[in-house]
């Protein structure tokens, strides 16, 4: 009886964790405006949905994608690995884009969620994200 109650409680808890949003797979590349790769790799893109509707009084969680040494990302993840982004526009923030000495590899405003001028639209996938050199 105790095992059954525990199992039901766990299953009930999982039901509330299902995302109410639809996602589309997104991949792409991040480079400087001149097309050269941002040195280093190993940084992360965060995508903040700008025009996603509220669903059941919920907002979507930010998505993220890991960037390889060539500036490529194969999949963005919102809710579960590789599910993609909610269709529409997203503000993009670049995290951990520093060299081995801690110097920023992108302009400062690109690393702050409220200031980043990078806006993408999932309709433009695969994404070609260009940033100025600092």
Protein backbone atom coordinates (compact mmCIF):
# COMPACT_ATOMS: atom_id res chain seq x y z
CA UNK A 1 0.00 0.00 0.00
CA UNK A 2 2.83 2.41 0.87
CA UNK A 3 4.66 1.60 -2.38
CA UNK A 4 1.50 2.21 -4.40
CA UNK A 5 0.87 5.56 -2.70
CA UNK A 6 4.45 6.63 -3.35
CA UNK A 7 4.25 5.61 -7.01
CA UNK A 8 0.98 7.50 -7.49
CA UNK A 9 2.44 10.60 -5.84
CA UNK A 10 5.49 10.48 -8.13
CA UNK A 11 3.38 10.00 -11.24
CA UNK A 12 1.04 12.80 -10.22
CA UNK A 13 4.01 15.11 -9.75
CA UNK A 14 5.26 14.37 -13.25
CA UNK A 15 1.97 15.33 -14.89
CA UNK A 16 2.42 18.97 -13.90
CA UNK A 17 5.88 19.11 -15.50
CA UNK A 18 4.73 18.68 -19.11
CA UNK A 19 5.24 21.82 -21.16
CA UNK A 20 2.10 23.33 -22.69
CA UNK A 21 4.10 24.75 -25.65
CA UNK A 22 4.97 23.39 -29.08
CA UNK A 23 8.60 23.45 -30.19
CA UNK A 24 10.46 23.32 -33.49
CA UNK A 25 14.05 22.05 -33.90
CA UNK A 26 16.60 24.82 -34.36
CA UNK A 27 20.30 24.72 -35.26
CA UNK A 28 22.73 27.23 -36.66
CA UNK A 29 26.00 29.08 -36.32
CA UNK A 30 27.35 32.08 -34.40
CA UNK A 31 30.14 34.14 -35.96
CA UNK A 32 31.49 37.65 -35.99
CA UNK A 33 29.93 40.00 -38.53
CA UNK A 34 32.85 39.38 -40.92
CA UNK A 35 32.09 35.63 -40.89
CA UNK A 36 35.05 34.56 -38.77
CA UNK A 37 34.31 32.19 -35.90
CA UNK A 38 34.35 33.49 -32.36
CA UNK A 39 37.51 31.96 -30.90
CA UNK A 40 37.22 29.47 -28.10
CA UNK A 41 33.89 27.68 -28.39
CA UNK A 42 32.38 26.17 -25.30
CA UNK A 43 30.01 29.06 -24.76
CA UNK A 44 26.24 28.91 -24.50
CA UNK A 45 23.38 30.70 -26.22
CA UNK A 46 20.23 31.42 -24.23
CA UNK A 47 16.99 32.11 -26.08
CA UNK A 48 14.24 34.14 -24.39
CA UNK A 49 10.86 33.94 -26.15
CA UNK A 50 9.51 37.40 -26.96
CA UNK A 51 6.10 36.72 -28.42
CA UNK A 52 5.04 33.43 -26.85
CA UNK A 53 1.49 33.52 -25.54
CA UNK A 54 0.73 32.78 -21.92
CA UNK A 55 -0.64 29.25 -21.68
CA UNK A 56 -2.44 28.34 -18.49
CA UNK A 57 -0.81 31.40 -16.83
CA UNK A 58 2.63 30.00 -17.69
CA UNK A 59 5.52 31.54 -19.58
CA UNK A 60 8.05 29.42 -21.48
CA UNK A 61 11.41 28.74 -19.91
CA UNK A 62 14.49 30.06 -21.72
CA UNK A 63 16.09 27.64 -24.14
CA UNK A 64 19.79 27.08 -24.59
CA UNK A 65 22.29 25.70 -27.07
CA UNK A 66 25.95 24.76 -26.61
CA UNK A 67 28.36 26.21 -29.18
CA UNK A 68 31.27 24.18 -30.55
CA UNK A 69 34.70 25.55 -31.52
CA UNK A 70 33.47 26.37 -35.05
CA UNK A 71 30.53 28.41 -33.76
CA UNK A 72 27.95 25.73 -34.61
CA UNK A 73 25.09 24.46 -32.55
CA UNK A 74 23.17 21.37 -33.55
CA UNK A 75 20.14 21.69 -31.37
CA UNK A 76 18.50 24.12 -29.03
CA UNK A 77 16.85 22.77 -25.92
CA UNK A 78 13.82 24.30 -24.22
CA UNK A 79 12.11 21.63 -22.22
CA UNK A 80 13.80 18.36 -23.11
CA UNK A 81 17.05 17.78 -24.96
CA UNK A 82 16.90 18.87 -28.59
CA UNK A 83 13.22 19.84 -28.67
CA UNK A 84 14.00 23.29 -30.11
CA UNK A 85 12.37 26.66 -29.60
CA UNK A 86 8.82 27.92 -29.37
CA UNK A 87 7.99 29.31 -32.83
CA UNK A 88 8.52 33.06 -33.09
CA UNK A 89 11.02 35.68 -32.02
CA UNK A 90 13.61 35.24 -29.27
CA UNK A 91 16.17 37.51 -27.63
CA UNK A 92 19.57 35.77 -27.68
CA UNK A 93 22.18 36.13 -24.95
CA UNK A 94 25.70 34.72 -25.15
CA UNK A 95 27.06 33.19 -21.94
CA UNK A 96 30.66 32.22 -21.15
CA UNK A 97 32.12 33.90 -24.26
CA UNK A 98 35.49 34.72 -22.75
CA UNK A 99 39.04 33.78 -23.59
CA UNK A 100 41.35 31.90 -21.20
CA UNK A 101 42.24 35.22 -19.51
CA UNK A 102 38.59 36.14 -18.92
CA UNK A 103 38.44 38.80 -21.67
CA UNK A 104 35.02 39.11 -23.33
CA UNK A 105 34.89 37.82 -26.91
CA UNK A 106 31.62 39.66 -27.65
CA UNK A 107 30.41 43.16 -26.70
CA UNK A 108 29.15 43.44 -23.13
CA UNK A 109 25.50 44.06 -24.06
CA UNK A 110 25.37 40.63 -25.74
CA UNK A 111 25.89 38.84 -22.42
CA UNK A 112 22.98 40.46 -20.53
CA UNK A 113 19.41 39.25 -21.03
CA UNK A 114 17.80 42.68 -20.79
CA UNK A 115 20.34 44.42 -23.05
CA UNK A 116 21.15 41.99 -25.83
CA UNK A 117 20.31 43.42 -29.25
CA UNK A 118 20.32 39.93 -30.79
CA UNK A 119 16.82 38.99 -31.91
CA UNK A 120 16.18 35.86 -33.99
CA UNK A 121 13.06 34.40 -35.56
CA UNK A 122 12.62 30.64 -35.76
CA UNK A 123 11.23 31.15 -39.29
CA UNK A 124 14.84 31.93 -40.33
CA UNK A 125 16.23 28.53 -39.23
CA UNK A 126 18.91 27.36 -39.63
CA UNK A 127 20.03 30.44 -37.74
CA UNK A 128 22.98 32.59 -38.81
CA UNK A 129 23.77 34.72 -35.78
CA UNK A 130 26.30 37.52 -36.36
CA UNK A 131 27.87 39.64 -33.61
CA UNK A 132 30.38 42.52 -33.76
CA UNK A 133 33.87 42.08 -32.44
CA UNK A 134 34.38 43.79 -29.07
